[in-house]
Amino acid sequence: EFVEFASIVFKWWTEALISFMWGAKTVKLRFLDEQYYIHLTHEETGNGTLCKAYYGETRPSGNVLMREVEFDQFELVKSLAKAINTLLRHDEFQAQHPAEVAELQNAYSRLRQLLKK
C-alpha cells in the first residue's frame, strides 16, 4: 500500500531535515529504491544561506548527477510537514497503522517546531 511506503520515507526525511536545519552541512534524503538519492547541502554566503539539492542515481558505473537546484530550506520543511499532515488525515491509514500514525504525529510536531525558529 502506497501510504505505508510514504510513511517510511517521511520519517527518514524528517530526521535528515532536522539534522540539516540544526547545522549539518550535508544530508542524504533516501528513497525506498536506494539507487536514487538527494543530497542536500548548505553554506553561509554574504547574502545568507545557500542551499542546494543534488538529485542522483547510483549505477554500476558510479553515481550520476541528474539535477542540481537551489532551494529554500524552510519551504522544504513546510512541504514535508504538509505531506505528513495530508497522510495523517487519511482515515484508512489511521485505522490500519496506529503505530506509524503516532510516529508521524511526532515527526509533524518536530517539523512545525523547526518552522517556529
N, C-alpha and C. Protein backbone atom coordinates (compact mmCIF):
# COMPACT_ATOMS: atom_id res chain seq x y z
N GLU A 1 0.85 -1.18 0.00
CA GLU A 1 0.00 0.00 0.00
C GLU A 1 0.89 1.25 0.00
N PHE A 2 0.55 2.20 -0.83
CA PHE A 2 1.36 3.40 -1.01
C PHE A 2 1.59 4.15 0.29
N VAL A 3 0.58 4.30 1.12
CA VAL A 3 0.73 5.13 2.32
C VAL A 3 1.76 4.55 3.28
N GLU A 4 1.94 3.25 3.29
CA GLU A 4 2.97 2.66 4.15
C GLU A 4 4.36 3.09 3.69
N PHE A 5 4.57 3.08 2.37
CA PHE A 5 5.87 3.50 1.84
C PHE A 5 6.11 4.98 2.12
N ALA A 6 5.09 5.78 1.93
CA ALA A 6 5.22 7.22 2.19
C ALA A 6 5.58 7.46 3.66
N SER A 7 4.96 6.72 4.54
CA SER A 7 5.22 6.86 5.96
C SER A 7 6.69 6.64 6.29
N ILE A 8 7.27 5.60 5.71
CA ILE A 8 8.68 5.28 5.96
C ILE A 8 9.57 6.40 5.45
N VAL A 9 9.34 6.82 4.23
CA VAL A 9 10.17 7.87 3.63
C VAL A 9 10.01 9.19 4.39
N PHE A 10 8.80 9.53 4.79
CA PHE A 10 8.58 10.77 5.54
C PHE A 10 9.36 10.76 6.85
N LYS A 11 9.41 9.62 7.53
CA LYS A 11 10.16 9.55 8.78
C LYS A 11 11.66 9.72 8.51
N TRP A 12 12.17 9.06 7.49
CA TRP A 12 13.59 9.22 7.14
C TRP A 12 13.91 10.67 6.83
N TRP A 13 13.07 11.28 6.00
CA TRP A 13 13.33 12.65 5.57
C TRP A 13 13.20 13.64 6.72
N THR A 14 12.29 13.38 7.65
CA THR A 14 12.16 14.26 8.82
C THR A 14 13.46 14.28 9.61
N GLU A 15 14.02 13.09 9.89
CA GLU A 15 15.28 13.02 10.63
C GLU A 15 16.39 13.76 9.89
N ALA A 16 16.47 13.56 8.58
CA ALA A 16 17.51 14.23 7.79
C ALA A 16 17.33 15.75 7.81
N LEU A 17 16.10 16.23 7.64
CA LEU A 17 15.86 17.67 7.61
C LEU A 17 16.10 18.32 8.97
N ILE A 18 15.78 17.62 10.03
CA ILE A 18 16.06 18.17 11.37
C ILE A 18 17.56 18.34 11.54
N SER A 19 18.30 17.33 11.15
CA SER A 19 19.77 17.42 11.22
C SER A 19 20.27 18.58 10.36
N PHE A 20 19.72 18.70 9.17
CA PHE A 20 20.12 19.77 8.24
C PHE A 20 19.84 21.14 8.82
N MET A 21 18.65 21.31 9.38
CA MET A 21 18.26 22.60 9.93
C MET A 21 19.07 22.96 11.18
N TRP A 22 19.58 21.96 11.86
CA TRP A 22 20.40 22.20 13.05
C TRP A 22 21.87 22.32 12.71
N GLY A 23 22.21 22.39 11.42
CA GLY A 23 23.57 22.74 11.06
C GLY A 23 24.39 21.73 10.30
N ALA A 24 23.87 20.51 10.10
CA ALA A 24 24.64 19.55 9.29
C ALA A 24 24.86 20.16 7.91
N LYS A 25 26.08 20.14 7.44
CA LYS A 25 26.40 20.76 6.15
C LYS A 25 25.85 19.98 4.97
N THR A 26 25.66 18.68 5.14
CA THR A 26 25.08 17.87 4.08
C THR A 26 24.30 16.71 4.69
N VAL A 27 23.18 16.36 4.07
CA VAL A 27 22.39 15.20 4.47
C VAL A 27 21.93 14.49 3.21
N LYS A 28 21.58 13.24 3.37
CA LYS A 28 21.10 12.44 2.23
C LYS A 28 19.64 12.08 2.48
N LEU A 29 18.79 12.43 1.52
CA LEU A 29 17.40 12.00 1.56
C LEU A 29 17.32 10.68 0.80
N ARG A 30 16.87 9.67 1.50
CA ARG A 30 16.81 8.33 0.92
C ARG A 30 15.45 8.06 0.32
N PHE A 31 15.44 7.13 -0.60
CA PHE A 31 14.21 6.61 -1.18
C PHE A 31 14.17 5.11 -0.87
N LEU A 32 12.99 4.51 -1.01
CA LEU A 32 12.91 3.07 -0.81
C LEU A 32 13.80 2.34 -1.81
N ASP A 33 13.85 2.85 -3.02
CA ASP A 33 14.77 2.31 -4.02
C ASP A 33 16.09 3.03 -3.80
N GLU A 34 17.02 2.37 -3.16
CA GLU A 34 18.27 3.00 -2.74
C GLU A 34 19.12 3.52 -3.89
N GLN A 35 18.76 3.19 -5.12
CA GLN A 35 19.61 3.66 -6.23
C GLN A 35 19.44 5.16 -6.47
N TYR A 36 18.35 5.74 -6.01
CA TYR A 36 18.13 7.18 -6.16
C TYR A 36 18.39 7.88 -4.83
N TYR A 37 18.84 9.12 -4.91
CA TYR A 37 19.14 9.86 -3.70
C TYR A 37 19.04 11.36 -3.99
N ILE A 38 18.91 12.12 -2.91
CA ILE A 38 19.02 13.57 -2.97
C ILE A 38 19.97 13.99 -1.86
N HIS A 39 21.06 14.64 -2.21
CA HIS A 39 21.96 15.21 -1.22
C HIS A 39 21.59 16.68 -1.06
N LEU A 40 21.41 17.09 0.17
CA LEU A 40 21.17 18.50 0.47
C LEU A 40 22.43 19.08 1.08
N THR A 41 22.81 20.27 0.63
CA THR A 41 23.96 20.96 1.20
C THR A 41 23.58 22.41 1.47
N HIS A 42 24.30 23.01 2.41
CA HIS A 42 24.13 24.46 2.61
C HIS A 42 25.43 25.06 3.09
N GLU A 43 25.58 26.31 2.73
CA GLU A 43 26.76 27.07 3.15
C GLU A 43 26.34 28.52 3.35
N GLU A 44 27.03 29.15 4.27
CA GLU A 44 26.78 30.56 4.54
C GLU A 44 27.49 31.40 3.48
N THR A 45 26.77 32.36 2.96
CA THR A 45 27.35 33.29 1.99
C THR A 45 27.16 34.70 2.53
N GLY A 46 27.66 35.68 1.82
CA GLY A 46 27.47 37.07 2.25
C GLY A 46 26.01 37.49 2.23
N ASN A 47 25.19 36.75 1.50
CA ASN A 47 23.76 37.08 1.38
C ASN A 47 22.87 36.14 2.16
N GLY A 48 23.42 35.33 3.06
CA GLY A 48 22.61 34.39 3.82
C GLY A 48 23.05 32.96 3.55
N THR A 49 22.10 32.04 3.63
CA THR A 49 22.39 30.62 3.46
C THR A 49 22.02 30.18 2.05
N LEU A 50 22.95 29.52 1.39
CA LEU A 50 22.71 28.97 0.06
C LEU A 50 22.52 27.47 0.21
N CYS A 51 21.34 26.99 -0.17
CA CYS A 51 21.03 25.57 -0.07
C CYS A 51 20.90 24.99 -1.48
N LYS A 52 21.50 23.82 -1.64
CA LYS A 52 21.42 23.13 -2.94
C LYS A 52 21.01 21.69 -2.73
N ALA A 53 20.25 21.18 -3.69
CA ALA A 53 19.85 19.78 -3.70
C ALA A 53 20.42 19.14 -4.96
N TYR A 54 21.01 17.98 -4.78
CA TYR A 54 21.60 17.23 -5.88
C TYR A 54 20.86 15.90 -5.99
N TYR A 55 20.09 15.74 -7.05
CA TYR A 55 19.34 14.51 -7.28
C TYR A 55 20.17 13.60 -8.16
N GLY A 56 20.38 12.38 -7.72
CA GLY A 56 21.23 11.49 -8.49
C GLY A 56 20.78 10.05 -8.45
N GLU A 57 21.51 9.27 -9.19
CA GLU A 57 21.25 7.84 -9.29
C GLU A 57 22.58 7.10 -9.18
N THR A 58 22.58 6.04 -8.40
CA THR A 58 23.75 5.20 -8.29
C THR A 58 23.63 4.08 -9.31
N ARG A 59 24.61 4.02 -10.18
CA ARG A 59 24.64 2.99 -11.23
C ARG A 59 25.89 2.14 -11.04
N PRO A 60 25.95 0.98 -11.69
CA PRO A 60 27.16 0.16 -11.57
C PRO A 60 28.43 0.91 -11.96
N SER A 61 28.30 1.87 -12.87
CA SER A 61 29.47 2.65 -13.30
C SER A 61 29.80 3.80 -12.35
N GLY A 62 28.94 4.04 -11.36
CA GLY A 62 29.16 5.12 -10.40
C GLY A 62 27.95 6.00 -10.24
N ASN A 63 28.08 7.06 -9.46
CA ASN A 63 26.97 7.98 -9.24
C ASN A 63 26.81 8.92 -10.44
N VAL A 64 25.56 9.17 -10.80
CA VAL A 64 25.24 10.06 -11.91
C VAL A 64 24.37 11.19 -11.37
N LEU A 65 24.85 12.41 -11.46
CA LEU A 65 24.07 13.57 -11.05
C LEU A 65 23.05 13.87 -12.13
N MET A 66 21.76 13.88 -11.75
CA MET A 66 20.70 14.09 -12.73
C MET A 66 20.17 15.51 -12.71
N ARG A 67 20.26 16.16 -11.54
CA ARG A 67 19.74 17.52 -11.45
C ARG A 67 20.31 18.19 -10.21
N GLU A 68 20.54 19.50 -10.32
CA GLU A 68 21.02 20.32 -9.21
C GLU A 68 20.13 21.55 -9.14
N VAL A 69 19.60 21.85 -7.95
CA VAL A 69 18.75 23.03 -7.79
C VAL A 69 19.07 23.72 -6.46
N GLU A 70 18.86 25.02 -6.43
CA GLU A 70 18.90 25.76 -5.17
C GLU A 70 17.50 25.73 -4.58
N PHE A 71 17.41 25.78 -3.26
CA PHE A 71 16.10 25.74 -2.61
C PHE A 71 16.13 26.50 -1.30
N ASP A 72 14.94 26.80 -0.82
CA ASP A 72 14.75 27.45 0.47
C ASP A 72 14.49 26.35 1.50
N GLN A 73 15.36 26.26 2.50
CA GLN A 73 15.23 25.17 3.48
C GLN A 73 13.91 25.21 4.25
N PHE A 74 13.40 26.39 4.54
CA PHE A 74 12.14 26.48 5.27
C PHE A 74 10.97 26.03 4.40
N GLU A 75 11.03 26.33 3.11
CA GLU A 75 9.97 25.87 2.20
C GLU A 75 9.97 24.35 2.08
N LEU A 76 11.16 23.75 2.09
CA LEU A 76 11.25 22.30 2.04
C LEU A 76 10.65 21.68 3.30
N VAL A 77 10.95 22.24 4.46
CA VAL A 77 10.38 21.75 5.72
C VAL A 77 8.86 21.90 5.69
N LYS A 78 8.37 23.05 5.22
CA LYS A 78 6.92 23.26 5.12
C LYS A 78 6.27 22.22 4.22
N SER A 79 6.91 21.94 3.09
CA SER A 79 6.35 20.97 2.15
C SER A 79 6.28 19.57 2.76
N LEU A 80 7.33 19.18 3.47
CA LEU A 80 7.30 17.87 4.11
C LEU A 80 6.25 17.82 5.20
N ALA A 81 6.15 18.88 5.99
CA ALA A 81 5.12 18.92 7.04
C ALA A 81 3.72 18.82 6.43
N LYS A 82 3.50 19.49 5.33
CA LYS A 82 2.20 19.45 4.66
C LYS A 82 1.90 18.03 4.16
N ALA A 83 2.90 17.37 3.58
CA ALA A 83 2.71 16.00 3.09
C ALA A 83 2.39 15.04 4.24
N ILE A 84 3.11 15.19 5.36
CA ILE A 84 2.84 14.34 6.52
C ILE A 84 1.44 14.59 7.05
N ASN A 85 1.05 15.85 7.14
CA ASN A 85 -0.28 16.19 7.62
C ASN A 85 -1.37 15.59 6.72
N THR A 86 -1.13 15.60 5.43
CA THR A 86 -2.08 15.01 4.49
C THR A 86 -2.22 13.51 4.75
N LEU A 87 -1.10 12.84 4.95
CA LEU A 87 -1.15 11.40 5.23
C LEU A 87 -1.85 11.13 6.56
N LEU A 88 -1.61 11.97 7.54
CA LEU A 88 -2.25 11.79 8.85
C LEU A 88 -3.77 11.94 8.78
N ARG A 89 -4.26 12.64 7.79
CA ARG A 89 -5.71 12.81 7.64
C ARG A 89 -6.35 11.66 6.83
N HIS A 90 -5.55 10.71 6.39
CA HIS A 90 -6.03 9.58 5.61
C HIS A 90 -6.66 8.57 6.58
N ASP A 91 -7.98 8.44 6.55
CA ASP A 91 -8.72 7.62 7.52
C ASP A 91 -8.27 6.17 7.54
N GLU A 92 -8.09 5.58 6.38
CA GLU A 92 -7.69 4.17 6.32
C GLU A 92 -6.30 3.97 6.92
N PHE A 93 -5.41 4.88 6.65
CA PHE A 93 -4.06 4.80 7.22
C PHE A 93 -4.14 4.89 8.74
N GLN A 94 -4.93 5.81 9.26
CA GLN A 94 -5.07 5.96 10.70
C GLN A 94 -5.59 4.68 11.35
N ALA A 95 -6.59 4.07 10.71
CA ALA A 95 -7.20 2.88 11.27
C ALA A 95 -6.26 1.66 11.23
N GLN A 96 -5.49 1.54 10.17
CA GLN A 96 -4.69 0.34 9.98
C GLN A 96 -3.27 0.43 10.52
N HIS A 97 -2.79 1.62 10.79
CA HIS A 97 -1.38 1.78 11.18
C HIS A 97 -1.22 2.75 12.36
N PRO A 98 -1.79 2.41 13.52
CA PRO A 98 -1.72 3.36 14.65
C PRO A 98 -0.29 3.67 15.10
N ALA A 99 0.61 2.71 15.04
CA ALA A 99 1.99 2.99 15.47
C ALA A 99 2.65 4.00 14.54
N GLU A 100 2.46 3.83 13.23
CA GLU A 100 3.02 4.77 12.26
C GLU A 100 2.41 6.15 12.41
N VAL A 101 1.10 6.19 12.72
CA VAL A 101 0.42 7.47 12.93
C VAL A 101 1.07 8.21 14.09
N ALA A 102 1.33 7.52 15.18
CA ALA A 102 1.97 8.17 16.34
C ALA A 102 3.35 8.70 15.98
N GLU A 103 4.13 7.91 15.23
CA GLU A 103 5.46 8.36 14.83
C GLU A 103 5.39 9.56 13.90
N LEU A 104 4.43 9.54 12.99
CA LEU A 104 4.30 10.67 12.06
C LEU A 104 3.77 11.92 12.76
N GLN A 105 2.91 11.75 13.76
CA GLN A 105 2.44 12.91 14.52
C GLN A 105 3.63 13.56 15.23
N ASN A 106 4.53 12.74 15.75
CA ASN A 106 5.73 13.26 16.38
C ASN A 106 6.61 13.98 15.35
N ALA A 107 6.78 13.36 14.18
CA ALA A 107 7.59 13.98 13.13
C ALA A 107 6.99 15.32 12.71
N TYR A 108 5.68 15.35 12.54
CA TYR A 108 4.99 16.58 12.14
C TYR A 108 5.21 17.67 13.19
N SER A 109 5.07 17.31 14.44
CA SER A 109 5.27 18.27 15.52
C SER A 109 6.70 18.81 15.53
N ARG A 110 7.67 17.94 15.30
CA ARG A 110 9.08 18.37 15.28
C ARG A 110 9.35 19.31 14.12
N LEU A 111 8.76 19.03 12.96
CA LEU A 111 8.93 19.93 11.80
C LEU A 111 8.30 21.28 12.07
N ARG A 112 7.13 21.28 12.68
CA ARG A 112 6.45 22.54 12.98
C ARG A 112 7.29 23.38 13.94
N GLN A 113 7.96 22.72 14.89
CA GLN A 113 8.83 23.44 15.81
C GLN A 113 10.00 24.10 15.09
N LEU A 114 10.54 23.40 14.08
CA LEU A 114 11.62 23.99 13.30
C LEU A 114 11.18 25.27 12.60
N LEU A 115 9.95 25.29 12.16
CA LEU A 115 9.45 26.46 11.44
C LEU A 115 9.23 27.65 12.36
N LYS A 116 9.15 27.41 13.66
CA LYS A 116 8.94 28.49 14.62
C LYS A 116 10.24 29.16 15.03
N LYS A 117 11.39 28.57 14.62
CA LYS A 117 12.71 29.13 14.97
C LYS A 117 12.88 30.53 14.44
